[in-house]
């Protein structure tokens, strides 16, 4: 049974559906590819793209967008990573349509910018936002399988759990500002799936009490 998005998101879609960006995955891949080639030309490009709040305040407004182009990898693996990114974006758009897909990513981006400007944290990676996209796919299709290392079939939910463990490790090994960002950047996920998971927990609790 497909997961129903919260009613307020459905209402927003009915009212502002024209704001949805079609084939958003291709746009992300193009931006990432641009960031990758810019890095190959000059490693200093990574700093030029980073979301540095002090420089944004000084007028370098483009950084609120260009941090999305910070390459997820600077080596050969970028080809596989970009293919994977495009695939998960296509899956999300097929399940939700352009508006909800755009909203999901937009919320993550806006919260990242707000948190950076409010705390002074420099954001120099697109990885947390990319992870939030994968969490969405794993929630929508938990039993679908991914070929790990091209030949090991692994369900989406298993990879999501491993990713969550990795994020927990990053939070444990980071400072408080970085930990706050890892909490803020996944608000988009809980906006879309929070009620669904609450229902799951509530149903599990009722079954547990009934068996007792």
Protein backbone atom coordinates (compact mmCIF):
# COMPACT_ATOMS: atom_id res chain seq x y z
CA UNK A 1 0.00 0.00 0.00
CA UNK A 2 1.53 3.36 -1.01
CA UNK A 3 2.43 5.81 1.75
CA UNK A 4 0.07 8.76 1.90
CA UNK A 5 1.72 12.14 2.30
CA UNK A 6 0.29 14.49 4.97
CA UNK A 7 -2.83 16.42 4.01
CA UNK A 8 -1.17 19.83 4.21
CA UNK A 9 1.34 18.73 1.57
CA UNK A 10 -1.47 17.46 -0.65
CA UNK A 11 -3.21 20.82 -0.26
CA UNK A 12 -0.04 22.66 -1.21
CA UNK A 13 0.27 20.46 -4.29
CA UNK A 14 -3.28 21.20 -5.42
CA UNK A 15 -2.70 24.92 -5.04
CA UNK A 16 0.88 25.30 -6.27
CA UNK A 17 1.40 22.28 -8.52
CA UNK A 18 2.79 24.50 -11.28
CA UNK A 19 5.85 25.21 -9.11
CA UNK A 20 7.00 21.61 -9.42
CA UNK A 21 10.21 21.18 -11.42
CA UNK A 22 10.10 18.21 -13.78
CA UNK A 23 13.14 15.95 -14.11
CA UNK A 24 14.78 17.51 -11.08
CA UNK A 25 17.17 14.57 -10.92
CA UNK A 26 18.77 15.59 -14.22
CA UNK A 27 19.30 19.13 -12.91
CA UNK A 28 21.04 17.78 -9.79
CA UNK A 29 23.24 15.49 -11.87
CA UNK A 30 24.23 18.33 -14.20
CA UNK A 31 25.10 20.55 -11.22
CA UNK A 32 27.12 17.77 -9.60
CA UNK A 33 28.93 17.08 -12.87
CA UNK A 34 29.72 20.79 -13.22
CA UNK A 35 31.10 20.82 -9.68
CA UNK A 36 33.18 17.72 -10.41
CA UNK A 37 34.78 19.18 -13.54
CA UNK A 38 35.35 22.52 -11.82
CA UNK A 39 37.18 20.66 -9.06
CA UNK A 40 39.31 18.82 -11.61
CA UNK A 41 40.34 22.14 -13.13
CA UNK A 42 41.00 23.76 -9.76
CA UNK A 43 40.53 22.12 -6.32
CA UNK A 44 39.92 25.63 -4.97
CA UNK A 45 36.54 25.52 -6.74
CA UNK A 46 35.24 23.44 -3.84
CA UNK A 47 35.71 26.42 -1.54
CA UNK A 48 34.14 28.73 -4.13
CA UNK A 49 30.99 26.59 -4.14
CA UNK A 50 30.73 26.04 -0.37
CA UNK A 51 27.98 27.69 1.67
CA UNK A 52 30.09 30.07 3.77
CA UNK A 53 27.59 32.24 5.70
CA UNK A 54 29.98 35.14 6.27
CA UNK A 55 30.59 35.43 2.52
CA UNK A 56 26.89 35.12 1.71
CA UNK A 57 26.21 38.06 4.02
CA UNK A 58 28.96 39.99 2.23
CA UNK A 59 27.15 39.53 -1.09
CA UNK A 60 28.20 36.14 -2.50
CA UNK A 61 24.57 35.07 -2.78
CA UNK A 62 25.28 32.34 -5.32
CA UNK A 63 26.61 30.13 -2.52
CA UNK A 64 23.06 29.36 -1.34
CA UNK A 65 22.71 27.37 -4.57
CA UNK A 66 26.22 26.34 -5.57
CA UNK A 67 26.75 24.20 -2.47
CA UNK A 68 24.40 21.73 -4.16
CA UNK A 69 27.08 21.33 -6.86
CA UNK A 70 29.77 20.30 -4.38
CA UNK A 71 30.75 16.91 -5.87
CA UNK A 72 29.86 13.83 -3.85
CA UNK A 73 33.10 12.27 -5.07
CA UNK A 74 36.15 13.65 -6.86
CA UNK A 75 37.30 10.37 -8.42
CA UNK A 76 36.09 7.65 -10.77
CA UNK A 77 33.20 6.73 -8.45
CA UNK A 78 31.43 9.96 -9.40
CA UNK A 79 29.98 8.17 -12.45
CA UNK A 80 28.28 5.53 -10.34
CA UNK A 81 27.23 8.04 -7.69
CA UNK A 82 25.59 10.34 -10.23
CA UNK A 83 23.80 7.42 -11.87
CA UNK A 84 22.52 6.39 -8.44
CA UNK A 85 21.46 9.95 -7.63
CA UNK A 86 19.56 10.26 -10.90
CA UNK A 87 17.90 6.87 -10.32
CA UNK A 88 16.61 7.70 -6.84
CA UNK A 89 15.35 11.08 -8.01
CA UNK A 90 13.45 9.41 -10.85
CA UNK A 91 11.93 6.94 -8.40
CA UNK A 92 10.80 9.74 -6.09
CA UNK A 93 9.34 11.78 -8.95
CA UNK A 94 7.46 8.77 -10.32
CA UNK A 95 5.97 8.13 -6.87
CA UNK A 96 5.16 11.73 -5.93
CA UNK A 97 5.21 13.84 -9.07
CA UNK A 98 7.26 16.99 -9.69
CA UNK A 99 5.74 19.23 -7.00
CA UNK A 100 6.28 16.99 -3.98
CA UNK A 101 9.73 16.00 -5.21
CA UNK A 102 10.67 19.66 -5.59
CA UNK A 103 9.19 20.53 -2.20
CA UNK A 104 11.06 17.73 -0.47
CA UNK A 105 14.42 18.87 -1.82
CA UNK A 106 13.57 22.57 -1.45
CA UNK A 107 12.80 22.17 2.26
CA UNK A 108 16.17 20.49 2.80
CA UNK A 109 18.00 23.24 0.91
CA UNK A 110 16.19 26.12 2.63
CA UNK A 111 16.72 24.66 6.10
CA UNK A 112 20.40 24.13 5.29
CA UNK A 113 20.78 27.78 4.28
CA UNK A 114 18.85 29.08 7.29
CA UNK A 115 20.85 26.93 9.70
CA UNK A 116 24.13 27.97 8.13
CA UNK A 117 23.29 31.69 8.29
CA UNK A 118 21.92 31.43 11.83
CA UNK A 119 24.84 29.48 13.32
CA UNK A 120 27.80 30.43 11.12
CA UNK A 121 28.33 26.81 10.06
CA UNK A 122 30.03 26.37 6.70
CA UNK A 123 28.37 23.66 4.60
CA UNK A 124 30.93 22.12 2.28
CA UNK A 125 29.20 18.90 1.26
CA UNK A 126 26.00 17.84 -0.48
CA UNK A 127 26.08 14.43 1.21
CA UNK A 128 23.47 15.01 3.98
CA UNK A 129 20.91 16.22 1.45
CA UNK A 130 21.67 13.28 -0.85
CA UNK A 131 21.16 10.94 2.10
CA UNK A 132 17.75 12.49 2.80
CA UNK A 133 16.77 11.65 -0.79
CA UNK A 134 17.77 8.03 -0.32
CA UNK A 135 15.80 7.83 2.95
CA UNK A 136 12.72 8.90 1.00
CA UNK A 137 13.18 6.12 -1.56
CA UNK A 138 13.82 3.56 1.18
CA UNK A 139 10.61 4.60 2.95
CA UNK A 140 8.56 4.48 -0.25
CA UNK A 141 9.94 1.12 -1.44
CA UNK A 142 11.62 -0.61 1.55
CA UNK A 143 11.64 -4.10 0.03
CA UNK A 144 13.06 -3.09 -3.36
CA UNK A 145 16.58 -4.37 -3.81
CA UNK A 146 19.81 -2.64 -4.81
CA UNK A 147 22.77 -4.54 -6.22
CA UNK A 148 25.56 -3.70 -3.80
CA UNK A 149 28.93 -3.87 -5.56
CA UNK A 150 26.85 -4.77 -8.68
CA UNK A 151 26.06 -8.34 -7.58
CA UNK A 152 24.89 -8.47 -3.93
CA UNK A 153 21.09 -7.86 -3.69
CA UNK A 154 20.29 -5.78 -0.60
CA UNK A 155 16.82 -4.45 0.35
CA UNK A 156 16.45 -0.68 0.51
CA UNK A 157 15.51 -0.72 4.18
CA UNK A 158 18.78 -2.45 5.08
CA UNK A 159 20.81 0.22 3.29
CA UNK A 160 18.72 2.90 5.02
CA UNK A 161 19.52 1.38 8.42
CA UNK A 162 23.22 1.26 7.56
CA UNK A 163 23.04 4.87 6.41
CA UNK A 164 21.31 5.87 9.66
CA UNK A 165 24.09 4.16 11.63
CA UNK A 166 26.66 6.07 9.60
CA UNK A 167 24.87 9.36 10.32
CA UNK A 168 24.78 8.48 14.03
CA UNK A 169 28.54 7.94 13.89
CA UNK A 170 29.04 11.29 12.15
CA UNK A 171 26.97 13.01 14.80
CA UNK A 172 28.92 11.32 17.59
CA UNK A 173 32.25 12.34 16.09
CA UNK A 174 31.22 15.92 15.21
CA UNK A 175 30.85 19.13 17.19
CA UNK A 176 27.49 20.45 18.35
CA UNK A 177 27.01 22.78 15.40
CA UNK A 178 27.47 19.92 12.96
CA UNK A 179 25.18 17.68 15.00
CA UNK A 180 22.50 20.33 14.83
CA UNK A 181 22.81 20.43 11.07
CA UNK A 182 22.37 16.67 10.78
CA UNK A 183 19.14 17.03 12.74
CA UNK A 184 17.86 20.02 10.75
CA UNK A 185 18.66 18.68 7.29
CA UNK A 186 16.37 15.67 7.77
CA UNK A 187 13.32 17.66 8.81
CA UNK A 188 12.06 17.25 5.23
CA UNK A 189 11.96 13.49 5.77
CA UNK A 190 9.92 13.78 8.96
CA UNK A 191 7.55 16.29 7.36
CA UNK A 192 6.74 13.75 4.66
CA UNK A 193 6.98 10.49 6.60
CA UNK A 194 6.57 11.42 10.27
CA UNK A 195 2.85 10.65 10.42
CA UNK A 196 3.39 7.36 8.61
CA UNK A 197 6.04 6.23 11.09
CA UNK A 198 3.90 7.41 14.00
CA UNK A 199 1.10 5.20 12.68
CA UNK A 200 3.50 2.26 12.41
CA UNK A 201 4.70 2.72 15.99
CA UNK A 202 1.14 3.14 17.25
CA UNK A 203 0.00 -0.04 15.45
CA UNK A 204 2.99 -1.97 16.84
CA UNK A 205 2.23 -0.75 20.35
CA UNK A 206 -1.41 -1.82 20.06
CA UNK A 207 -0.41 -5.30 18.84
CA UNK A 208 2.08 -5.60 21.68
CA UNK A 209 -0.52 -4.67 24.30
CA UNK A 210 -3.08 -7.00 22.74
CA UNK A 211 -0.68 -9.95 22.90
CA UNK A 212 0.14 -9.12 26.50
